[in-house]
Structures are given as C-alpha cells and as structure tokens.
Amino acid sequence: MSLQLTLEDLQTLRKGRLDRLRKVFIKPLGLCRLQMTRRDRLVVHCPEPWVVDELMSDLPQLINAAKVVVGAQSLSICFVGEEIYRTRTMEVQEERYAS
C-alpha cells in the first residue's frame, strides 16, 4: 500500500518543520520570515540589523539546524531584501579519484 501525499500535505509538513526550527532559535527567528524555496534553500528575511548579528553569531548552530530540522540544502540570510550571507548546509563530497 503506497502513501500518496497531496500538495496540501507537503505544505503542512514544510510549515511544521519551519515552526520547529523557529522554536530552536526563538528570539531571533521569531521576528523573521522563513521561506523554503523549491531548491530546498532556507531563506531567512530579518527585519532588524540586530537579528542578523545574532543569527551570524550562532551561524554554525543555525546551519546545522537548517540541515537537520528542515532538510535545507543551503541557507540565505537577508536584510531589507538584500542577501547578506549564503552557504551550503550539506557537506560537499570531494571526489577521491581523478578521472
């Protein structure tokens, strides 16, 4: 028996993941708008400069939480519509053997 998820189901799951991430970083992310793109990028829209500073000071934990909690492939932090920081959350596997 296969389980088929509707678009509404997927959006509910995505919202739940974003809510869980917000609970990990209650103070800064509580003020931010979180958005997951189709390419699994977590975009954090910050309303105040101090929020950006706080997120940047906790960057390793935020990157890890974005990867584990929401499954983000990359993370972007934006302020006033401008991207301030972007990184990949998944470790890039280096090729061990040259072709």
PDB file of N, CA and C in Angstrom:
ATOM      1  N   MET A   1       0.843  -1.175   0.000  1.00  0.00           N
ATOM      2  CA  MET A   1       0.000   0.000   0.000  1.00  0.00           C
ATOM      3  C   MET A   1       0.891   1.241   0.000  1.00  0.00           C
ATOM      4  N   SER A   2       0.732   2.070  -0.997  1.00  0.00           N
ATOM      5  CA  SER A   2       1.562   3.269  -1.087  1.00  0.00           C
ATOM      6  C   SER A   2       0.837   4.463  -0.467  1.00  0.00           C
ATOM      7  N   LEU A   3       1.627   5.347   0.051  1.00  0.00           N
ATOM      8  CA  LEU A   3       1.091   6.549   0.677  1.00  0.00           C
ATOM      9  C   LEU A   3       1.308   7.716  -0.278  1.00  0.00           C
ATOM     10  N   GLN A   4       0.246   8.356  -0.678  1.00  0.00           N
ATOM     11  CA  GLN A   4       0.331   9.489  -1.596  1.00  0.00           C
ATOM     12  C   GLN A   4       0.073  10.775  -0.816  1.00  0.00           C
ATOM     13  N   LEU A   5       1.030  11.694  -0.886  1.00  0.00           N
ATOM     14  CA  LEU A   5       0.872  12.979  -0.216  1.00  0.00           C
ATOM     15  C   LEU A   5       0.386  14.017  -1.217  1.00  0.00           C
ATOM     16  N   THR A   6      -0.578  14.790  -0.807  1.00  0.00           N
ATOM     17  CA  THR A   6      -1.076  15.872  -1.659  1.00  0.00           C
ATOM     18  C   THR A   6      -0.196  17.100  -1.468  1.00  0.00           C
ATOM     19  N   LEU A   7      -0.378  18.082  -2.314  1.00  0.00           N
ATOM     20  CA  LEU A   7       0.359  19.339  -2.196  1.00  0.00           C
ATOM     21  C   LEU A   7       0.069  19.992  -0.848  1.00  0.00           C
ATOM     22  N   GLU A   8      -1.168  19.906  -0.414  1.00  0.00           N
ATOM     23  CA  GLU A   8      -1.552  20.467   0.892  1.00  0.00           C
ATOM     24  C   GLU A   8      -0.825  19.745   2.029  1.00  0.00           C
ATOM     25  N   ASP A   9      -0.703  18.418   1.926  1.00  0.00           N
ATOM     26  CA  ASP A   9       0.027  17.645   2.935  1.00  0.00           C
ATOM     27  C   ASP A   9       1.485  18.080   3.002  1.00  0.00           C
ATOM     28  N   LEU A  10       2.107  18.245   1.840  1.00  0.00           N
ATOM     29  CA  LEU A  10       3.510  18.644   1.785  1.00  0.00           C
ATOM     30  C   LEU A  10       3.714  20.037   2.366  1.00  0.00           C
ATOM     31  N   GLN A  11       2.793  20.946   2.091  1.00  0.00           N
ATOM     32  CA  GLN A  11       2.902  22.298   2.640  1.00  0.00           C
ATOM     33  C   GLN A  11       2.720  22.293   4.155  1.00  0.00           C
ATOM     34  N   THR A  12       1.846  21.444   4.658  1.00  0.00           N
ATOM     35  CA  THR A  12       1.654  21.320   6.106  1.00  0.00           C
ATOM     36  C   THR A  12       2.917  20.782   6.766  1.00  0.00           C
ATOM     37  N   LEU A  13       3.544  19.786   6.151  1.00  0.00           N
ATOM     38  CA  LEU A  13       4.797  19.243   6.676  1.00  0.00           C
ATOM     39  C   LEU A  13       5.900  20.295   6.665  1.00  0.00           C
ATOM     40  N   ARG A  14       6.003  21.051   5.570  1.00  0.00           N
ATOM     41  CA  ARG A  14       7.026  22.094   5.459  1.00  0.00           C
ATOM     42  C   ARG A  14       6.813  23.169   6.524  1.00  0.00           C
ATOM     43  N   LYS A  15       5.557  23.572   6.740  1.00  0.00           N
ATOM     44  CA  LYS A  15       5.253  24.583   7.764  1.00  0.00           C
ATOM     45  C   LYS A  15       5.618  24.061   9.150  1.00  0.00           C
ATOM     46  N   GLY A  16       5.333  22.794   9.413  1.00  0.00           N
ATOM     47  CA  GLY A  16       5.685  22.197  10.701  1.00  0.00           C
ATOM     48  C   GLY A  16       7.182  22.187  10.940  1.00  0.00           C
ATOM     49  N   ARG A  17       7.955  21.886   9.891  1.00  0.00           N
ATOM     50  CA  ARG A  17       9.417  21.900  10.021  1.00  0.00           C
ATOM     51  C   ARG A  17       9.929  23.306  10.309  1.00  0.00           C
ATOM     52  N   LEU A  18       9.377  24.304   9.612  1.00  0.00           N
ATOM     53  CA  LEU A  18       9.797  25.687   9.844  1.00  0.00           C
ATOM     54  C   LEU A  18       9.426  26.138  11.255  1.00  0.00           C
ATOM     55  N   ASP A  19       8.272  25.712  11.743  1.00  0.00           N
ATOM     56  CA  ASP A  19       7.867  26.044  13.118  1.00  0.00           C
ATOM     57  C   ASP A  19       8.821  25.420  14.136  1.00  0.00           C
ATOM     58  N   ARG A  20       9.252  24.182  13.878  1.00  0.00           N
ATOM     59  CA  ARG A  20      10.211  23.533  14.788  1.00  0.00           C
ATOM     60  C   ARG A  20      11.545  24.265  14.787  1.00  0.00           C
ATOM     61  N   LEU A  21      11.996  24.703  13.615  1.00  0.00           N
ATOM     62  CA  LEU A  21      13.243  25.466  13.530  1.00  0.00           C
ATOM     63  C   LEU A  21      13.105  26.774  14.293  1.00  0.00           C
ATOM     64  N   ARG A  22      11.967  27.420  14.161  1.00  0.00           N
ATOM     65  CA  ARG A  22      11.720  28.684  14.865  1.00  0.00           C
ATOM     66  C   ARG A  22      11.823  28.486  16.379  1.00  0.00           C
ATOM     67  N   LYS A  23      11.404  27.316  16.878  1.00  0.00           N
ATOM     68  CA  LYS A  23      11.466  27.036  18.317  1.00  0.00           C
ATOM     69  C   LYS A  23      12.897  26.834  18.801  1.00  0.00           C
ATOM     70  N   VAL A  24      13.788  26.407  17.906  1.00  0.00           N
ATOM     71  CA  VAL A  24      15.195  26.226  18.277  1.00  0.00           C
ATOM     72  C   VAL A  24      15.860  27.583  18.491  1.00  0.00           C
ATOM     73  N   PHE A  25      15.522  28.558  17.667  1.00  0.00           N
ATOM     74  CA  PHE A  25      16.076  29.912  17.760  1.00  0.00           C
ATOM     75  C   PHE A  25      14.925  30.879  18.011  1.00  0.00           C
ATOM     76  N   ILE A  26      14.320  30.770  19.178  1.00  0.00           N
ATOM     77  CA  ILE A  26      13.087  31.500  19.482  1.00  0.00           C
ATOM     78  C   ILE A  26      13.234  33.009  19.313  1.00  0.00           C
ATOM     79  N   LYS A  27      14.242  33.597  19.944  1.00  0.00           N
ATOM     80  CA  LYS A  27      14.338  35.056  19.937  1.00  0.00           C
ATOM     81  C   LYS A  27      14.586  35.623  18.535  1.00  0.00           C
ATOM     82  N   PRO A  28      15.648  35.217  17.827  1.00  0.00           N
ATOM     83  CA  PRO A  28      15.867  35.859  16.524  1.00  0.00           C
ATOM     84  C   PRO A  28      14.893  35.412  15.435  1.00  0.00           C
ATOM     85  N   LEU A  29      14.626  34.117  15.325  1.00  0.00           N
ATOM     86  CA  LEU A  29      13.775  33.646  14.230  1.00  0.00           C
ATOM     87  C   LEU A  29      12.300  33.956  14.450  1.00  0.00           C
ATOM     88  N   GLY A  30      11.926  34.265  15.683  1.00  0.00           N
ATOM     89  CA  GLY A  30      10.538  34.625  15.956  1.00  0.00           C
ATOM     90  C   GLY A  30      10.119  35.903  15.254  1.00  0.00           C
ATOM     91  N   LEU A  31      11.093  36.731  14.924  1.00  0.00           N
ATOM     92  CA  LEU A  31      10.816  38.001  14.249  1.00  0.00           C
ATOM     93  C   LEU A  31      10.997  37.918  12.735  1.00  0.00           C
ATOM     94  N   CYS A  32      11.574  36.829  12.259  1.00  0.00           N
ATOM     95  CA  CYS A  32      11.928  36.701  10.842  1.00  0.00           C
ATOM     96  C   CYS A  32      10.857  35.971  10.047  1.00  0.00           C
ATOM     97  N   ARG A  33      10.852  36.233   8.757  1.00  0.00           N
ATOM     98  CA  ARG A  33      10.010  35.464   7.834  1.00  0.00           C
ATOM     99  C   ARG A  33      10.886  34.373   7.242  1.00  0.00           C
ATOM    100  N   LEU A  34      10.444  33.133   7.370  1.00  0.00           N
ATOM    101  CA  LEU A  34      11.192  31.989   6.859  1.00  0.00           C
ATOM    102  C   LEU A  34      10.531  31.491   5.587  1.00  0.00           C
ATOM    103  N   GLN A  35      11.361  31.138   4.616  1.00  0.00           N
ATOM    104  CA  GLN A  35      10.842  30.676   3.333  1.00  0.00           C
ATOM    105  C   GLN A  35      11.728  29.541   2.829  1.00  0.00           C
ATOM    106  N   MET A  36      11.109  28.454   2.393  1.00  0.00           N
ATOM    107  CA  MET A  36      11.838  27.367   1.739  1.00  0.00           C
ATOM    108  C   MET A  36      11.566  27.466   0.248  1.00  0.00           C
ATOM    109  N   THR A  37      12.617  27.508  -0.548  1.00  0.00           N
ATOM    110  CA  THR A  37      12.453  27.577  -1.994  1.00  0.00           C
ATOM    111  C   THR A  37      12.296  26.172  -2.570  1.00  0.00           C
ATOM    112  N   ARG A  38      11.986  26.104  -3.833  1.00  0.00           N
ATOM    113  CA  ARG A  38      11.840  24.802  -4.499  1.00  0.00           C
ATOM    114  C   ARG A  38      13.149  24.031  -4.527  1.00  0.00           C
ATOM    115  N   ARG A  39      14.249  24.734  -4.460  1.00  0.00           N
ATOM    116  CA  ARG A  39      15.568  24.086  -4.470  1.00  0.00           C
ATOM    117  C   ARG A  39      16.083  23.830  -3.063  1.00  0.00           C
ATOM    118  N   ASP A  40      15.180  23.788  -2.117  1.00  0.00           N
ATOM    119  CA  ASP A  40      15.494  23.493  -0.714  1.00  0.00           C
ATOM    120  C   ASP A  40      16.485  24.474  -0.096  1.00  0.00           C
ATOM    121  N   ARG A  41      16.339  25.744  -0.443  1.00  0.00           N
ATOM    122  CA  ARG A  41      17.125  26.788   0.214  1.00  0.00           C
ATOM    123  C   ARG A  41      16.242  27.422   1.276  1.00  0.00           C
ATOM    124  N   LEU A  42      16.767  27.505   2.493  1.00  0.00           N
ATOM    125  CA  LEU A  42      16.074  28.205   3.562  1.00  0.00           C
ATOM    126  C   LEU A  42      16.486  29.667   3.489  1.00  0.00           C
ATOM    127  N   VAL A  43      15.511  30.543   3.279  1.00  0.00           N
ATOM    128  CA  VAL A  43      15.769  31.980   3.211  1.00  0.00           C
ATOM    129  C   VAL A  43      15.175  32.610   4.463  1.00  0.00           C
ATOM    130  N   VAL A  44      16.030  33.305   5.210  1.00  0.00           N
ATOM    131  CA  VAL A  44      15.617  33.965   6.446  1.00  0.00           C
ATOM    132  C   VAL A  44      15.607  35.466   6.177  1.00  0.00           C
ATOM    133  N   HIS A  45      14.429  36.072   6.217  1.00  0.00           N
ATOM    134  CA  HIS A  45      14.276  37.512   5.994  1.00  0.00           C
ATOM    135  C   HIS A  45      14.226  38.198   7.358  1.00  0.00           C
ATOM    136  N   CYS A  46      15.277  38.944   7.687  1.00  0.00           N
ATOM    137  CA  CYS A  46      15.407  39.582   9.003  1.00  0.00           C
ATOM    138  C   CYS A  46      14.875  41.016   8.967  1.00  0.00           C
ATOM    139  N   PRO A  47      14.071  41.414   9.978  1.00  0.00           N
ATOM    140  CA  PRO A  47      13.503  42.756   9.990  1.00  0.00           C
ATOM    141  C   PRO A  47      14.414  43.814  10.619  1.00  0.00           C
ATOM    142  N   GLU A  48      15.401  43.375  11.410  1.00  0.00           N
ATOM    143  CA  GLU A  48      16.250  44.316  12.146  1.00  0.00           C
ATOM    144  C   GLU A  48      17.717  43.894  12.037  1.00  0.00           C
ATOM    145  N   PRO A  49      18.652  44.857  12.064  1.00  0.00           N
ATOM    146  CA  PRO A  49      20.071  44.511  11.969  1.00  0.00           C
ATOM    147  C   PRO A  49      20.569  43.662  13.143  1.00  0.00           C
ATOM    148  N   TRP A  50      20.022  43.877  14.346  1.00  0.00           N
ATOM    149  CA  TRP A  50      20.487  43.094  15.492  1.00  0.00           C
ATOM    150  C   TRP A  50      20.111  41.625  15.341  1.00  0.00           C
ATOM    151  N   VAL A  51      19.032  41.344  14.602  1.00  0.00           N
ATOM    152  CA  VAL A  51      18.631  39.956  14.358  1.00  0.00           C
ATOM    153  C   VAL A  51      19.673  39.280  13.466  1.00  0.00           C
ATOM    154  N   VAL A  52      20.133  40.002  12.439  1.00  0.00           N
ATOM    155  CA  VAL A  52      21.184  39.474  11.564  1.00  0.00           C
ATOM    156  C   VAL A  52      22.431  39.183  12.391  1.00  0.00           C
ATOM    157  N   ASP A  53      22.820  40.129  13.251  1.00  0.00           N
ATOM    158  CA  ASP A  53      24.005  39.947  14.092  1.00  0.00           C
ATOM    159  C   ASP A  53      23.876  38.718  14.980  1.00  0.00           C
ATOM    160  N   GLU A  54      22.713  38.535  15.567  1.00  0.00           N
ATOM    161  CA  GLU A  54      22.506  37.393  16.456  1.00  0.00           C
ATOM    162  C   GLU A  54      22.559  36.076  15.685  1.00  0.00           C
ATOM    163  N   LEU A  55      21.949  36.040  14.508  1.00  0.00           N
ATOM    164  CA  LEU A  55      21.995  34.820  13.694  1.00  0.00           C
ATOM    165  C   LEU A  55      23.420  34.523  13.233  1.00  0.00           C
ATOM    166  N   MET A  56      24.154  35.556  12.864  1.00  0.00           N
ATOM    167  CA  MET A  56      25.534  35.352  12.417  1.00  0.00           C
ATOM    168  C   MET A  56      26.423  34.861  13.555  1.00  0.00           C
ATOM    169  N   SER A  57      26.131  35.285  14.780  1.00  0.00           N
ATOM    170  CA  SER A  57      26.939  34.820  15.911  1.00  0.00           C
ATOM    171  C   SER A  57      26.656  33.354  16.242  1.00  0.00           C
ATOM    172  N   ASP A  58      25.467  32.869  15.870  1.00  0.00           N
ATOM    173  CA  ASP A  58      25.102  31.463  16.091  1.00  0.00           C
ATOM    174  C   ASP A  58      25.110  30.674  14.782  1.00  0.00           C
ATOM    175  N   LEU A  59      25.913  31.103  13.824  1.00  0.00           N
ATOM    176  CA  LEU A  59      25.857  30.544  12.480  1.00  0.00           C
ATOM    177  C   LEU A  59      26.085  29.033  12.405  1.00  0.00           C
ATOM    178  N   PRO A  60      27.095  28.465  13.063  1.00  0.00           N
ATOM    179  CA  PRO A  60      27.268  27.006  12.959  1.00  0.00           C
ATOM    180  C   PRO A  60      26.039  26.225  13.436  1.00  0.00           C
ATOM    181  N   GLN A  61      25.427  26.681  14.527  1.00  0.00           N
ATOM    182  CA  GLN A  61      24.229  26.009  15.038  1.00  0.00           C
ATOM    183  C   GLN A  61      23.048  26.201  14.088  1.00  0.00           C
ATOM    184  N   LEU A  62      22.927  27.396  13.511  1.00  0.00           N
ATOM    185  CA  LEU A  62      21.832  27.666  12.577  1.00  0.00           C
ATOM    186  C   LEU A  62      21.969  26.815  11.318  1.00  0.00           C
ATOM    187  N   ILE A  63      23.183  26.703  10.792  1.00  0.00           N
ATOM    188  CA  ILE A  63      23.418  25.887   9.597  1.00  0.00           C
ATOM    189  C   ILE A  63      23.060  24.436   9.879  1.00  0.00           C
ATOM    190  N   ASN A  64      23.515  23.925  11.011  1.00  0.00           N
ATOM    191  CA  ASN A  64      23.220  22.538  11.366  1.00  0.00           C
ATOM    192  C   ASN A  64      21.718  22.320  11.553  1.00  0.00           C
ATOM    193  N   ALA A  65      21.055  23.242  12.240  1.00  0.00           N
ATOM    194  CA  ALA A  65      19.611  23.113  12.462  1.00  0.00           C
ATOM    195  C   ALA A  65      18.847  23.196  11.143  1.00  0.00           C
ATOM    196  N   ALA A  66      19.277  24.062  10.238  1.00  0.00           N
ATOM    197  CA  ALA A  66      18.617  24.171   8.929  1.00  0.00           C
ATOM    198  C   ALA A  66      18.729  22.855   8.169  1.00  0.00           C
ATOM    199  N   LYS A  67      19.875  22.220   8.288  1.00  0.00           N
ATOM    200  CA  LYS A  67      20.088  20.941   7.603  1.00  0.00           C
ATOM    201  C   LYS A  67      19.269  19.831   8.242  1.00  0.00           C
ATOM    202  N   VAL A  68      19.324  19.723   9.571  1.00  0.00           N
ATOM    203  CA  VAL A  68      18.687  18.608  10.276  1.00  0.00           C
ATOM    204  C   VAL A  68      17.172  18.781  10.382  1.00  0.00           C
ATOM    205  N   VAL A  69      16.726  19.957  10.772  1.00  0.00           N
ATOM    206  CA  VAL A  69      15.302  20.164  11.065  1.00  0.00           C
ATOM    207  C   VAL A  69      14.460  20.325   9.800  1.00  0.00           C
ATOM    208  N   VAL A  70      14.918  21.150   8.856  1.00  0.00           N
ATOM    209  CA  VAL A  70      14.095  21.394   7.666  1.00  0.00           C
ATOM    210  C   VAL A  70      14.644  20.744   6.398  1.00  0.00           C
ATOM    211  N   GLY A  71      15.825  20.154   6.463  1.00  0.00           N
ATOM    212  CA  GLY A  71      16.395  19.496   5.288  1.00  0.00           C
ATOM    213  C   GLY A  71      16.870  20.460   4.224  1.00  0.00           C
ATOM    214  N   ALA A  72      17.277  21.658   4.646  1.00  0.00           N
ATOM    215  CA  ALA A  72      17.723  22.671   3.686  1.00  0.00           C
ATOM    216  C   ALA A  72      19.073  22.285   3.087  1.00  0.00           C
ATOM    217  N   GLN A  73      19.205  22.476   1.787  1.00  0.00           N
ATOM    218  CA  GLN A  73      20.473  22.247   1.088  1.00  0.00           C
ATOM    219  C   GLN A  73      21.388  23.466   1.238  1.00  0.00           C
ATOM    220  N   SER A  74      20.771  24.649   1.384  1.00  0.00           N
ATOM    221  CA  SER A  74      21.542  25.871   1.567  1.00  0.00           C
ATOM    222  C   SER A  74      20.743  26.843   2.428  1.00  0.00           C
ATOM    223  N   LEU A  75      21.447  27.863   2.914  1.00  0.00           N
ATOM    224  CA  LEU A  75      20.861  28.843   3.823  1.00  0.00           C
ATOM    225  C   LEU A  75      21.217  30.241   3.341  1.00  0.00           C
ATOM    226  N   SER A  76      20.234  31.126   3.294  1.00  0.00           N
ATOM    227  CA  SER A  76      20.456  32.532   2.962  1.00  0.00           C
ATOM    228  C   SER A  76      19.885  33.392   4.074  1.00  0.00           C
ATOM    229  N   ILE A  77      20.646  34.407   4.458  1.00  0.00           N
ATOM    230  CA  ILE A  77      20.174  35.385   5.436  1.00  0.00           C
ATOM    231  C   ILE A  77      20.050  36.715   4.704  1.00  0.00           C
ATOM    232  N   CYS A  78      18.855  37.302   4.766  1.00  0.00           N
ATOM    233  CA  CYS A  78      18.575  38.545   4.041  1.00  0.00           C
ATOM    234  C   CYS A  78      18.154  39.642   5.015  1.00  0.00           C
ATOM    235  N   PHE A  79      18.497  40.879   4.637  1.00  0.00           N
ATOM    236  CA  PHE A  79      18.066  42.051   5.397  1.00  0.00           C
ATOM    237  C   PHE A  79      17.676  43.123   4.395  1.00  0.00           C
ATOM    238  N   VAL A  80      16.501  43.688   4.546  1.00  0.00           N
ATOM    239  CA  VAL A  80      15.955  44.721   3.673  1.00  0.00           C
ATOM    240  C   VAL A  80      16.013  44.263   2.206  1.00  0.00           C
ATOM    241  N   GLY A  81      15.622  43.023   1.980  1.00  0.00           N
ATOM    242  CA  GLY A  81      15.544  42.500   0.624  1.00  0.00           C
ATOM    243  C   GLY A  81      16.868  42.163  -0.027  1.00  0.00           C
ATOM    244  N   GLU A  82      17.970  42.303   0.703  1.00  0.00           N
ATOM    245  CA  GLU A  82      19.285  42.031   0.143  1.00  0.00           C
ATOM    246  C   GLU A  82      19.908  40.836   0.850  1.00  0.00           C
ATOM    247  N   GLU A  83      20.427  39.918   0.059  1.00  0.00           N
ATOM    248  CA  GLU A  83      21.069  38.740   0.643  1.00  0.00           C
ATOM    249  C   GLU A  83      22.405  39.144   1.254  1.00  0.00           C
ATOM    250  N   ILE A  84      22.562  38.844   2.542  1.00  0.00           N
ATOM    251  CA  ILE A  84      23.770  39.211   3.261  1.00  0.00           C
ATOM    252  C   ILE A  84      24.733  38.038   3.352  1.00  0.00           C
ATOM    253  N   TYR A  85      24.171  36.843   3.455  1.00  0.00           N
ATOM    254  CA  TYR A  85      25.002  35.656   3.641  1.00  0.00           C
ATOM    255  C   TYR A  85      24.327  34.468   2.978  1.00  0.00           C
ATOM    256  N   ARG A  86      25.144  33.604   2.364  1.00  0.00           N
ATOM    257  CA  ARG A  86      24.625  32.361   1.778  1.00  0.00           C
ATOM    258  C   ARG A  86      25.687  31.278   1.931  1.00  0.00           C
ATOM    259  N   THR A  87      25.223  30.093   2.289  1.00  0.00           N
ATOM    260  CA  THR A  87      26.131  28.952   2.397  1.00  0.00           C
ATOM    261  C   THR A  87      25.368  27.670   2.124  1.00  0.00           C
ATOM    262  N   ARG A  88      26.100  26.642   1.779  1.00  0.00           N
ATOM    263  CA  ARG A  88      25.509  25.311   1.646  1.00  0.00           C
ATOM    264  C   ARG A  88      25.459  24.680   3.023  1.00  0.00           C
ATOM    265  N   THR A  89      24.432  23.897   3.276  1.00  0.00           N
ATOM    266  CA  THR A  89      24.334  23.219   4.566  1.00  0.00           C
ATOM    267  C   THR A  89      24.803  21.782   4.469  1.00  0.00           C
ATOM    268  N   MET A  90      24.733  21.220   3.290  1.00  0.00           N
ATOM    269  CA  MET A  90      25.163  19.843   3.097  1.00  0.00           C
ATOM    270  C   MET A  90      26.652  19.835   2.775  1.00  0.00           C
ATOM    271  N   GLU A  91      27.351  18.899   3.357  1.00  0.00           N
ATOM    272  CA  GLU A  91      28.777  18.792   3.089  1.00  0.00           C
ATOM    273  C   GLU A  91      28.978  18.340   1.652  1.00  0.00           C
ATOM    274  N   VAL A  92      29.889  18.991   0.995  1.00  0.00           N
ATOM    275  CA  VAL A  92      30.189  18.642  -0.384  1.00  0.00           C
ATOM    276  C   VAL A  92      31.192  17.493  -0.367  1.00  0.00           C
ATOM    277  N   GLN A  93      30.836  16.414  -1.015  1.00  0.00           N
ATOM    278  CA  GLN A  93      31.721  15.264  -1.089  1.00  0.00           C
ATOM    279  C   GLN A  93      32.767  15.527  -2.170  1.00  0.00           C
ATOM    280  N   GLU A  94      34.031  15.464  -1.781  1.00  0.00           N
ATOM    281  CA  GLU A  94      35.093  15.648  -2.760  1.00  0.00           C
ATOM    282  C   GLU A  94      35.339  14.326  -3.472  1.00  0.00           C
ATOM    283  N   GLU A  95      35.650  14.424  -4.743  1.00  0.00           N
ATOM    284  CA  GLU A  95      35.961  13.212  -5.480  1.00  0.00           C
ATOM    285  C   GLU A  95      37.333  12.733  -5.040  1.00  0.00           C
ATOM    286  N   ARG A  96      37.426  11.465  -4.694  1.00  0.00           N
ATOM    287  CA  ARG A  96      38.695  10.919  -4.215  1.00  0.00           C
ATOM    288  C   ARG A  96      39.595  10.498  -5.363  1.00  0.00           C
ATOM    289  N   TYR A  97      39.000  10.171  -6.464  1.00  0.00           N
ATOM    290  CA  TYR A  97      39.781   9.669  -7.587  1.00  0.00           C
ATOM    291  C   TYR A  97      39.569  10.575  -8.782  1.00  0.00           C
ATOM    292  N   ALA A  98      40.667  10.998  -9.361  1.00  0.00           N
ATOM    293  CA  ALA A  98      40.567  11.827 -10.565  1.00  0.00           C
ATOM    294  C   ALA A  98      40.319  10.919 -11.764  1.00  0.00           C
ATOM    295  N   SER A  99      39.513  11.394 -12.688  1.00  0.00           N
ATOM    296  CA  SER A  99      39.258  10.555 -13.861  1.00  0.00           C
ATOM    297  C   SER A  99      40.295  10.797 -14.922  1.00  0.00           C
TER     298      SER A  99
END
